[in-house]
C-alpha atoms as a PDB file:
ATOM      1  CA  MET A   1      78.592 308.257 -78.364  1.00  0.00           C
ATOM      2  CA  SER A   2      81.015 305.010 -78.843  1.00  0.00           C
ATOM      3  CA  LYS A   3      81.580 304.995 -74.593  1.00  0.00           C
ATOM      4  CA  ILE A   4      77.652 305.044 -74.542  1.00  0.00           C
ATOM      5  CA  LEU A   5      77.701 301.785 -76.804  1.00  0.00           C
ATOM      6  CA  LEU A   6      80.892 300.341 -74.719  1.00  0.00           C
ATOM      7  CA  ILE A   7      78.960 300.971 -71.209  1.00  0.00           C
ATOM      8  CA  PHE A   8      75.537 299.316 -72.822  1.00  0.00           C
ATOM      9  CA  VAL A   9      77.428 296.093 -74.308  1.00  0.00           C
ATOM     10  CA  VAL A  10      79.573 295.547 -71.086  1.00  0.00           C
ATOM     11  CA  PHE A  11      76.553 296.098 -68.639  1.00  0.00           C
ATOM     12  CA  PHE A  12      74.074 294.064 -70.968  1.00  0.00           C
ATOM     13  CA  TYR A  13      76.708 290.926 -71.476  1.00  0.00           C
ATOM     14  CA  LYS A  14      79.475 289.089 -69.713  1.00  0.00           C
ATOM     15  CA  LEU A  15      82.423 288.651 -72.285  1.00  0.00           C
ATOM     16  CA  ALA A  16      84.127 285.091 -70.808  1.00  0.00           C
ATOM     17  CA  LEU A  17      87.699 285.376 -71.472  1.00  0.00           C
ATOM     18  CA  SER A  18      88.176 281.942 -71.591  1.00  0.00           C
ATOM     19  CA  GLU A  19      89.320 280.503 -74.623  1.00  0.00           C
ATOM     20  CA  ILE A  20      87.279 277.776 -76.348  1.00  0.00           C
ATOM     21  CA  LYS A  21      88.497 274.957 -77.373  1.00  0.00           C
ATOM     22  CA  VAL A  22      86.961 273.194 -80.592  1.00  0.00           C
ATOM     23  CA  ASN A  23      86.753 269.412 -81.988  1.00  0.00           C
ATOM     24  CA  SER A  24      85.119 267.284 -85.018  1.00  0.00           C
ATOM     25  CA  ILE A  25      82.048 265.789 -84.520  1.00  0.00           C
ATOM     26  CA  ILE A  26      82.265 261.894 -87.307  1.00  0.00           C
ATOM     27  CA  LYS A  27      79.350 259.413 -86.199  1.00  0.00           C
ATOM     28  CA  LEU A  28      79.859 256.893 -88.964  1.00  0.00           C
ATOM     29  CA  ASN A  29      77.245 254.200 -90.219  1.00  0.00           C
ATOM     30  CA  ASN A  30      78.758 251.436 -92.152  1.00  0.00           C
ATOM     31  CA  ASN A  31      81.764 253.214 -92.425  1.00  0.00           C
ATOM     32  CA  ILE A  32      79.762 256.017 -93.886  1.00  0.00           C
ATOM     33  CA  PRO A  33      79.073 259.324 -92.244  1.00  0.00           C
ATOM     34  CA  GLU A  34      75.752 260.131 -90.683  1.00  0.00           C
ATOM     35  CA  GLU A  35      76.690 262.849 -88.993  1.00  0.00           C
ATOM     36  CA  CYS A  36      79.110 265.944 -88.937  1.00  0.00           C
ATOM     37  CA  GLY A  37      79.520 268.827 -87.078  1.00  0.00           C
ATOM     38  CA  LEU A  38      81.920 270.944 -84.128  1.00  0.00           C
ATOM     39  CA  ASN A  39      82.034 270.521 -80.501  1.00  0.00           C
ATOM     40  CA  PHE A  40      83.098 273.482 -78.572  1.00  0.00           C
ATOM     41  CA  PHE A  41      83.932 273.237 -74.582  1.00  0.00           C
ATOM     42  CA  LEU A  42      85.461 275.039 -72.181  1.00  0.00           C
ATOM     43  CA  GLU A  43      87.941 273.878 -69.433  1.00  0.00           C
ATOM     44  CA  ASN A  44      87.509 275.249 -66.024  1.00  0.00           C
ATOM     45  CA  ASP A  45      84.129 276.703 -66.488  1.00  0.00           C
ATOM     46  CA  ASN A  46      81.115 276.335 -64.588  1.00  0.00           C
ATOM     47  CA  SER A  47      78.872 278.107 -66.997  1.00  0.00           C
ATOM     48  CA  PHE A  48      78.498 275.224 -69.526  1.00  0.00           C
ATOM     49  CA  THR A  49      80.075 271.884 -70.479  1.00  0.00           C
ATOM     50  CA  ASN A  50      79.574 271.565 -74.258  1.00  0.00           C
ATOM     51  CA  ALA A  51      78.083 272.874 -76.857  1.00  0.00           C
ATOM     52  CA  SER A  52      77.558 271.412 -80.708  1.00  0.00           C
ATOM     53  CA  VAL A  53      76.488 271.926 -84.354  1.00  0.00           C
ATOM     54  CA  SER A  54      76.107 268.976 -86.268  1.00  0.00           C
ATOM     55  CA  ILE A  55      74.349 267.899 -89.682  1.00  0.00           C
ATOM     56  CA  LYS A  56      72.752 264.997 -90.368  1.00  0.00           C
ATOM     57  CA  LYS A  57      71.932 263.820 -94.126  1.00  0.00           C
ATOM     58  CA  LEU A  58      68.077 262.442 -93.992  1.00  0.00           C
ATOM     59  CA  GLU A  59      67.519 259.751 -96.553  1.00  0.00           C
ATOM     60  CA  ASN A  60      65.497 261.800 -99.020  1.00  0.00           C
ATOM     61  CA  ASN A  61      68.751 263.886 -99.084  1.00  0.00           C
ATOM     62  CA  GLU A  62      67.772 267.090 -97.219  1.00  0.00           C
ATOM     63  CA  THR A  63      69.404 267.721 -93.700  1.00  0.00           C
ATOM     64  CA  ILE A  64      69.070 268.281 -90.297  1.00  0.00           C
ATOM     65  CA  THR A  65      71.299 270.781 -88.118  1.00  0.00           C
ATOM     66  CA  VAL A  66      71.409 270.048 -84.417  1.00  0.00           C
ATOM     67  CA  PHE A  67      72.741 272.775 -81.721  1.00  0.00           C
ATOM     68  CA  LYS A  68      73.238 271.685 -78.172  1.00  0.00           C
ATOM     69  CA  VAL A  69      74.153 273.218 -75.074  1.00  0.00           C
ATOM     70  CA  ASN A  70      74.692 271.387 -71.978  1.00  0.00           C
ATOM     71  CA  GLY A  71      75.948 272.430 -68.342  1.00  0.00           C
ATOM     72  CA  LYS A  72      76.466 271.588 -65.135  1.00  0.00           C
ATOM     73  CA  ASN A  73      73.454 273.880 -63.913  1.00  0.00           C
ATOM     74  CA  THR A  74      69.845 274.192 -66.224  1.00  0.00           C
ATOM     75  CA  ILE A  75      70.917 276.293 -68.891  1.00  0.00           C
ATOM     76  CA  GLN A  76      67.832 279.201 -70.026  1.00  0.00           C
ATOM     77  CA  ASN A  77      69.013 280.601 -73.318  1.00  0.00           C
ATOM     78  CA  ALA A  78      71.924 279.630 -75.962  1.00  0.00           C
ATOM     79  CA  ASP A  79      72.861 281.028 -79.577  1.00  0.00           C
ATOM     80  CA  LEU A  80      75.375 280.359 -81.974  1.00  0.00           C
ATOM     81  CA  SER A  81      76.754 282.994 -84.328  1.00  0.00           C
ATOM     82  CA  THR A  82      79.315 284.094 -87.068  1.00  0.00           C
ATOM     83  CA  SER A  83      79.359 287.237 -88.768  1.00  0.00           C
ATOM     84  CA  SER A  84      76.697 286.839 -90.290  1.00  0.00           C
ATOM     85  CA  LEU A  85      74.154 284.419 -89.312  1.00  0.00           C
ATOM     86  CA  LYS A  86      72.743 283.008 -85.724  1.00  0.00           C
ATOM     87  CA  ILE A  87      71.727 279.344 -85.719  1.00  0.00           C
ATOM     88  CA  SER A  88      68.660 280.189 -83.462  1.00  0.00           C
ATOM     89  CA  GLU A  89      67.784 281.957 -86.595  1.00  0.00           C
ATOM     90  CA  ILE A  90      68.423 279.001 -89.271  1.00  0.00           C
ATOM     91  CA  ILE A  91      66.726 276.749 -87.437  1.00  0.00           C
ATOM     92  CA  GLU A  92      63.831 277.296 -84.792  1.00  0.00           C
ATOM     93  CA  LYS A  93      62.896 274.294 -82.955  1.00  0.00           C
ATOM     94  CA  LYS A  94      63.997 274.724 -79.618  1.00  0.00           C
ATOM     95  CA  LYS A  95      63.414 272.474 -76.491  1.00  0.00           C
ATOM     96  CA  ARG A  96      64.618 272.587 -73.217  1.00  0.00           C
ATOM     97  CA  THR A  97      66.769 269.178 -72.217  1.00  0.00           C
ATOM     98  CA  ASP A  98      67.638 268.188 -68.379  1.00  0.00           C
ATOM     99  CA  LYS A  99      70.522 270.706 -68.042  1.00  0.00           C
ATOM    100  CA  GLY A 100      70.658 272.245 -71.468  1.00  0.00           C
ATOM    101  CA  ILE A 101      68.984 273.198 -75.091  1.00  0.00           C
ATOM    102  CA  GLU A 102      68.675 271.558 -77.854  1.00  0.00           C
ATOM    103  CA  ILE A 103      67.649 273.455 -81.360  1.00  0.00           C
ATOM    104  CA  LYS A 104      66.753 270.733 -84.315  1.00  0.00           C
ATOM    105  CA  GLY A 105      65.202 271.454 -87.728  1.00  0.00           C
ATOM    106  CA  LYS A 106      65.607 270.405 -91.077  1.00  0.00           C
ATOM    107  CA  THR A 107      67.662 273.206 -92.892  1.00  0.00           C
ATOM    108  CA  LYS A 108      68.360 274.420 -96.656  1.00  0.00           C
ATOM    109  CA  GLN A 109      72.143 272.847 -97.510  1.00  0.00           C
ATOM    110  CA  ASP A 110      73.231 276.292 -98.729  1.00  0.00           C
ATOM    111  CA  SER A 111      72.420 278.235 -95.991  1.00  0.00           C
ATOM    112  CA  MET A 112      74.170 275.268 -93.331  1.00  0.00           C
ATOM    113  CA  THR A 113      77.048 275.077 -95.834  1.00  0.00           C
ATOM    114  CA  PHE A 114      77.504 279.312 -95.162  1.00  0.00           C
ATOM    115  CA  PHE A 115      77.501 278.708 -91.745  1.00  0.00           C
ATOM    116  CA  PHE A 116      80.134 276.394 -91.249  1.00  0.00           C
ATOM    117  CA  GLN A 117      82.075 277.968 -93.433  1.00  0.00           C
ATOM    118  CA  GLU A 118      81.556 281.234 -91.786  1.00  0.00           C
ATOM    119  CA  ILE A 119      82.640 279.587 -88.278  1.00  0.00           C
ATOM    120  CA  LEU A 120      85.546 277.481 -89.718  1.00  0.00           C
ATOM    121  CA  ILE A 121      87.129 280.505 -91.154  1.00  0.00           C
ATOM    122  CA  GLY A 122      86.303 283.700 -89.106  1.00  0.00           C
ATOM    123  CA  GLY A 123      84.963 282.396 -85.666  1.00  0.00           C
ATOM    124  CA  GLY A 124      81.867 283.242 -84.152  1.00  0.00           C
ATOM    125  CA  SER A 125      80.685 283.971 -80.434  1.00  0.00           C
ATOM    126  CA  LEU A 126      78.572 281.132 -78.685  1.00  0.00           C
ATOM    127  CA  ASN A 127      75.919 282.886 -76.257  1.00  0.00           C
ATOM    128  CA  VAL A 128      74.921 281.190 -72.887  1.00  0.00           C
ATOM    129  CA  ASP A 129      72.538 282.746 -70.493  1.00  0.00           C
ATOM    130  CA  ASP A 130      73.997 286.347 -71.846  1.00  0.00           C
ATOM    131  CA  VAL A 131      77.723 285.411 -71.107  1.00  0.00           C
ATOM    132  CA  LEU A 132      79.484 285.870 -74.456  1.00  0.00           C
ATOM    133  CA  TYR A 133      82.122 283.448 -75.333  1.00  0.00           C
ATOM    134  CA  GLU A 134      84.391 284.027 -78.457  1.00  0.00           C
ATOM    135  CA  ILE A 135      85.380 281.349 -80.619  1.00  0.00           C
ATOM    136  CA  ASN A 136      88.605 282.628 -82.468  1.00  0.00           C
ATOM    137  CA  GLY A 137      89.056 281.813 -86.108  1.00  0.00           C
ATOM    138  CA  PRO A 138      90.127 280.202 -87.993  1.00  0.00           C
ATOM    139  CA  ILE A 139      89.656 276.982 -86.673  1.00  0.00           C
ATOM    140  CA  ASP A 140      92.048 274.541 -86.167  1.00  0.00           C
ATOM    141  CA  SER A 141      92.921 273.129 -89.887  1.00  0.00           C
ATOM    142  CA  LYS A 142      92.736 269.457 -88.475  1.00  0.00           C
ATOM    143  CA  VAL A 143      89.533 270.376 -87.350  1.00  0.00           C
ATOM    144  CA  ARG A 144      88.514 272.288 -90.992  1.00  0.00           C
ATOM    145  CA  LEU A 145      90.152 269.332 -92.521  1.00  0.00           C
ATOM    146  CA  GLU A 146      87.725 266.204 -90.738  1.00  0.00           C
ATOM    147  CA  TYR A 147      84.666 267.874 -91.177  1.00  0.00           C
ATOM    148  CA  LEU A 148      84.884 269.305 -94.265  1.00  0.00           C
ATOM    149  CA  PHE A 149      85.962 265.453 -95.238  1.00  0.00           C
ATOM    150  CA  CYS A 150      83.270 264.575 -93.404  1.00  0.00           C
ATOM    151  CA  THR A 151      81.042 265.998 -94.860  1.00  0.00           C
ATOM    152  CA  GLY A 152      82.265 265.325 -98.415  1.00  0.00           C
ATOM    153  CA  GLU A 153      82.266 261.564 -98.036  1.00  0.00           C
ATOM    154  CA  MET A 154      78.696 262.240 -96.587  1.00  0.00           C
ATOM    155  CA  PHE A 155      77.066 263.531 -99.580  1.00  0.00           C
ATOM    156  CA  LEU A 156      79.101 261.873-102.349  1.00  0.00           C
ATOM    157  CA  PRO A 157      76.260 260.405-104.456  1.00  0.00           C
ATOM    158  CA  ASN A 158      78.035 256.911-104.753  1.00  0.00           C
ATOM    159  CA  TYR A 159      76.835 256.301-101.119  1.00  0.00           C
ATOM    160  CA  GLU A 160      72.984 256.572-102.484  1.00  0.00           C
ATOM    161  CA  SER A 161      72.813 253.361-104.079  1.00  0.00           C
ATOM    162  CA  ASN A 162      74.166 252.025-100.561  1.00  0.00           C
ATOM    163  CA  ARG A 163      71.535 253.946 -98.562  1.00  0.00           C
ATOM    164  CA  ASP A 164      68.605 252.870-100.192  1.00  0.00           C
ATOM    165  CA  GLU A 165      69.473 248.784 -99.476  1.00  0.00           C
END
């Protein structure tokens, strides 16, 4: 039975052996973080140039999550998953761009917190046009700290009075 499963997986998915590099995304507005996330890229690969997942805090304390994948060629399908969650199941508004895909929408803070926790510690996988790229966990400590610092600052209550002005 396990041989059949292995053949099935190999037949339908190509596993990319390239290592994904991960950097943090930190965008500031008046020295206050307005977007925090992770950027994934491969060196010397033809499938995609980069992928990113980030969260933005809206003025009403809701969050929006954006998952983007851009490629050298047109990308038909992409997803980012951890051991228990898929970004496509958390946010569902999907649109095509010139060379990629963008999935964007309002998300529950607890769902995204858990998603980022899993990807930062346990890693995950990036599926681009049926090629599966493994993201090894834990993500580099510098990137984890930058992401955690960014989101911690983004949700500090003392910035709320500054946003309303």
